[in-house]
Protein backbone atom coordinates (compact mmCIF):
# COMPACT_ATOMS: atom_id res chain seq x y z
CA MET A 1 -3.43 -3.44 14.80
CA ALA A 2 -4.23 -4.11 11.12
CA ARG A 3 -5.62 -1.35 8.94
CA LYS A 4 -7.79 -1.73 5.88
CA THR A 5 -8.14 0.97 3.26
CA VAL A 6 -11.69 1.38 1.97
CA LEU A 7 -12.20 3.25 -1.29
CA VAL A 8 -15.37 5.31 -1.54
CA SER A 9 -16.73 7.16 -4.57
CA ASP A 10 -16.45 10.93 -4.26
CA PHE A 11 -19.70 11.39 -6.20
CA SER A 12 -22.15 8.81 -4.86
CA GLY A 13 -20.55 7.61 -1.63
CA LYS A 14 -20.65 3.95 -2.80
CA GLU A 15 -17.94 1.69 -1.47
CA ILE A 16 -15.58 0.42 -4.17
CA ALA A 17 -14.76 -3.12 -3.06
CA ASP A 18 -12.84 -4.21 -6.17
CA PRO A 19 -10.21 -1.93 -7.77
CA LYS A 20 -11.56 -2.97 -11.20
CA TRP A 21 -14.66 -0.87 -10.43
CA LEU A 22 -12.61 2.29 -9.79
CA ALA A 23 -12.49 5.22 -12.20
CA THR A 24 -10.22 8.19 -11.61
CA VAL A 25 -11.60 11.44 -13.02
CA THR A 26 -8.91 14.08 -13.69
CA VAL A 27 -9.78 17.67 -14.59
CA LYS A 28 -6.91 19.76 -15.93
CA PHE A 29 -7.67 23.43 -16.46
CA ALA A 30 -6.14 25.45 -19.29
CA ASP A 31 -5.18 28.08 -16.71
CA ALA A 32 -2.30 26.41 -14.86
CA ARG A 33 -2.91 28.50 -11.74
CA ARG A 34 -6.14 26.58 -11.07
CA GLY A 35 -4.21 23.30 -10.90
CA ILE A 36 -5.44 19.76 -11.48
CA VAL A 37 -8.44 18.21 -9.70
CA VAL A 38 -8.61 14.43 -9.19
CA ALA A 39 -11.68 12.50 -8.00
CA GLU A 40 -12.40 8.80 -7.57
CA ALA A 41 -15.66 7.37 -8.85
CA HIS A 42 -17.46 4.03 -9.03
CA ILE A 43 -17.86 3.05 -12.69
CA GLU A 44 -21.62 2.72 -12.21
CA ASP A 45 -21.95 6.36 -11.05
CA LYS A 46 -24.10 8.43 -13.39
CA ILE A 47 -21.52 11.22 -13.58
CA ALA A 48 -18.71 8.80 -14.53
CA GLN A 49 -20.83 7.23 -17.28
CA GLU A 50 -21.78 10.67 -18.60
CA ILE A 51 -18.15 11.82 -18.72
CA ALA A 52 -17.13 8.60 -20.50
CA LYS A 53 -19.90 9.10 -23.05
CA VAL A 54 -19.00 12.69 -24.01
CA GLY A 55 -15.24 12.53 -23.46
CA ARG A 56 -12.62 11.16 -25.81
CA GLN A 57 -10.09 8.45 -25.18
CA GLN A 58 -6.48 9.52 -24.84
CA ALA A 59 -3.82 7.66 -26.83
CA ARG A 60 -1.28 5.51 -25.02
CA ARG A 61 2.19 6.93 -24.52
CA GLY A 62 5.53 5.25 -25.02
CA ARG A 63 6.61 2.29 -27.09
CA ARG A 64 4.18 -0.22 -28.44
CA PRO A 65 4.27 -3.56 -26.61
CA LYS A 66 6.03 -6.42 -28.43
CA ALA A 67 3.74 -8.79 -30.30
CA ALA A 68 3.09 -12.11 -28.58
CA ALA A 69 5.11 -14.90 -30.19
């Protein structure tokens, strides 16, 4: 029997058909005892757009990719 994984937004309940429409929201508390909370959201969810608007973008880690020749 074949199984199909269906991604659903944790905030709105919308089905996320294409992985390009997926946003992973990670909340890391300063108090390590509270742990890290991870939620999946559709990029059109109001909460995801609000977080993207007020949040800041994190810099990439590691080496810079080589320039295309």
